[in-house]
Amino acid sequence: MAEAATPKPRNKIRTIRIWLWVITLLFAGMFFLSQCAMSKPQAKGKIIASCVKNGPFAPTWEQELAQYGLAGQSDKVIEPYCVCMWDEPLEAMSAKEIKAFSKMTPDEQLQKLGGEASMVARHQQCLRQQKSGV
C-alpha cells in the first residue's frame, strides 16, 4: 500500500505538462485579448492614417490647397496636415474618450474636438503651416 500512495513519476510528468499547457494557453489568451483593445497611440495612428487616406477625396480639398498656394501638392501636404489637424485634439483626450469617440454622433464629436469654430481655425492654421513648410 505504501507504493500506491506515492504517484508514479510518469503521472507527475503528465500533470506538469498539463499545467504548463494550461498556463501557456492562459498567457496566449491574455496576449490576444490585450491586442483587441487599441491603445491611445494606436488609435491616434489609425485616425491620422484614415485622414491621410480619405482627406484628398474631400470635395473642397483641392480648392483649399489652391487657396493657400498648394495646388497639386496634395501628396506632400496631406500627412503633415493630418498630424497637425488631429494630434493635439486627440492628445487631450483619454484612451476611453477616444474609444467612445467613434460611437458619438457627428455633433457630439465636433463638440468633443472643441466646436466648429475651433476646428475651422485649426484647419486654416494647419494649411498655413503646410504653405510655410513646402
Protein backbone atom coordinates (compact mmCIF):
# COMPACT_ATOMS: atom_id res chain seq x y z
CA MET A 1 0.00 0.00 0.00
CA ALA A 2 2.89 2.34 0.55
CA GLU A 3 3.63 2.18 -3.16
CA ALA A 4 0.07 3.20 -4.11
CA ALA A 5 0.24 6.37 -2.01
CA THR A 6 3.17 7.82 -3.96
CA PRO A 7 2.34 8.81 -7.53
CA LYS A 8 4.35 7.28 -10.30
CA PRO A 9 6.91 9.55 -11.98
CA ARG A 10 5.06 9.23 -15.27
CA ASN A 11 1.89 10.68 -13.73
CA LYS A 12 3.86 13.58 -12.26
CA ILE A 13 5.34 14.42 -15.63
CA ARG A 14 1.92 14.26 -17.27
CA THR A 15 0.43 16.53 -14.62
CA ILE A 16 3.26 19.03 -15.04
CA ARG A 17 2.80 19.00 -18.82
CA ILE A 18 -0.93 19.63 -18.48
CA TRP A 19 -0.36 22.57 -16.15
CA LEU A 20 2.31 24.01 -18.44
CA TRP A 21 -0.15 23.86 -21.34
CA VAL A 22 -2.85 25.50 -19.25
CA ILE A 23 -0.51 28.30 -18.19
CA THR A 24 0.75 28.77 -21.75
CA LEU A 25 -2.79 28.97 -23.09
CA LEU A 26 -3.73 31.50 -20.41
CA PHE A 27 -0.79 33.71 -21.34
CA ALA A 28 -1.61 33.40 -25.03
CA GLY A 29 -5.26 34.21 -24.36
CA MET A 30 -4.36 37.27 -22.31
CA PHE A 31 -1.99 38.45 -25.03
CA PHE A 32 -4.63 38.19 -27.75
CA LEU A 33 -7.27 39.84 -25.59
CA SER A 34 -4.93 42.73 -24.89
CA GLN A 35 -4.47 43.20 -28.62
CA CYS A 36 -8.23 43.59 -29.15
CA ALA A 37 -8.33 46.92 -27.38
CA MET A 38 -6.35 49.65 -29.09
CA SER A 39 -4.05 51.80 -27.05
CA LYS A 40 -4.21 55.56 -27.34
CA PRO A 41 -1.19 55.79 -29.70
CA GLN A 42 -2.64 53.05 -31.90
CA ALA A 43 -6.00 54.81 -32.07
CA LYS A 44 -4.34 58.13 -32.90
CA GLY A 45 -2.31 56.44 -35.61
CA LYS A 46 -5.41 54.87 -37.14
CA ILE A 47 -7.31 58.17 -37.12
CA ILE A 48 -4.41 60.02 -38.72
CA ALA A 49 -3.94 57.22 -41.27
CA SER A 50 -7.63 57.45 -42.12
CA CYS A 51 -7.29 61.20 -42.60
CA VAL A 52 -4.30 60.68 -44.89
CA LYS A 53 -6.18 58.06 -46.88
CA ASN A 54 -9.50 59.90 -47.17
CA GLY A 55 -8.56 63.59 -46.92
CA PRO A 56 -7.64 64.11 -50.57
CA PHE A 57 -11.08 62.88 -51.62
CA ALA A 58 -12.91 65.64 -49.77
CA PRO A 59 -14.85 67.72 -52.30
CA THR A 60 -13.16 71.01 -51.43
CA TRP A 61 -9.64 69.72 -50.71
CA GLU A 62 -8.04 70.77 -54.00
CA GLN A 63 -9.76 74.17 -53.88
CA GLU A 64 -8.48 74.79 -50.37
CA LEU A 65 -4.97 73.79 -51.37
CA ALA A 66 -5.14 76.19 -54.31
CA GLN A 67 -6.40 78.93 -51.99
CA TYR A 68 -3.25 78.54 -49.88
CA GLY A 69 -0.93 78.23 -52.88
CA LEU A 70 -0.52 74.48 -52.53
CA ALA A 71 -2.26 73.37 -55.72
CA GLY A 72 -1.05 70.00 -56.95
CA GLN A 73 0.89 69.25 -53.77
CA SER A 74 -1.68 67.06 -52.08
CA ASP A 75 0.73 64.13 -51.73
CA LYS A 76 3.30 66.24 -49.88
CA VAL A 77 0.83 68.15 -47.75
CA ILE A 78 -1.70 65.58 -46.61
CA GLU A 79 0.27 63.69 -43.96
CA PRO A 80 1.69 66.70 -42.09
CA TYR A 81 -1.72 68.36 -42.39
CA CYS A 82 -3.48 65.37 -40.81
CA VAL A 83 -0.95 65.16 -38.00
CA CYS A 84 -1.40 68.88 -37.36
CA MET A 85 -5.16 68.57 -37.51
CA TRP A 86 -5.60 65.55 -35.25
CA ASP A 87 -2.60 65.16 -32.97
CA GLU A 88 -3.35 67.90 -30.45
CA PRO A 89 -7.12 67.29 -30.09
CA LEU A 90 -6.61 63.55 -29.68
CA GLU A 91 -3.76 64.05 -27.24
CA ALA A 92 -6.11 66.00 -24.98
CA MET A 93 -8.49 63.01 -24.81
CA SER A 94 -8.11 59.95 -22.64
CA ALA A 95 -7.94 56.48 -24.17
CA LYS A 96 -11.50 55.84 -23.00
CA GLU A 97 -12.74 59.04 -24.67
CA ILE A 98 -11.00 58.14 -27.92
CA LYS A 99 -12.59 54.69 -27.81
CA ALA A 100 -16.04 56.23 -27.29
CA PHE A 101 -15.39 58.86 -29.98
CA SER A 102 -16.44 56.60 -32.86
CA LYS A 103 -19.77 55.88 -31.19
CA MET A 104 -20.68 59.56 -30.85
CA THR A 105 -22.86 61.46 -33.26
CA PRO A 106 -21.06 63.90 -35.57
CA ASP A 107 -22.30 66.84 -33.50
CA GLU A 108 -21.00 65.26 -30.29
CA GLN A 109 -17.67 64.54 -31.96
CA LEU A 110 -17.39 68.13 -33.10
CA GLN A 111 -18.12 69.39 -29.59
CA LYS A 112 -15.56 66.98 -28.15
CA LEU A 113 -12.96 68.43 -30.54
CA GLY A 114 -13.69 71.98 -29.40
CA GLY A 115 -16.55 73.01 -31.64
CA GLU A 116 -16.89 74.02 -35.25
CA ALA A 117 -15.09 77.35 -34.93
CA SER A 118 -12.13 75.66 -33.29
CA MET A 119 -11.88 73.00 -35.98
CA VAL A 120 -12.16 75.55 -38.81
CA ALA A 121 -9.44 77.66 -37.18
CA ARG A 122 -7.25 74.57 -36.76
CA HIS A 123 -7.88 73.60 -40.40
CA GLN A 124 -6.79 77.03 -41.62
CA GLN A 125 -3.79 77.08 -39.30
CA CYS A 126 -2.66 73.65 -40.50
CA LEU A 127 -2.97 74.66 -44.15
CA ARG A 128 -0.96 77.83 -43.46
CA GLN A 129 1.71 75.73 -41.76
CA GLN A 130 1.90 73.49 -44.80
CA LYS A 131 2.36 76.52 -47.04
CA SER A 132 5.31 77.70 -44.99
CA GLY A 133 6.72 74.17 -44.79
CA VAL A 134 6.65 73.38 -48.52
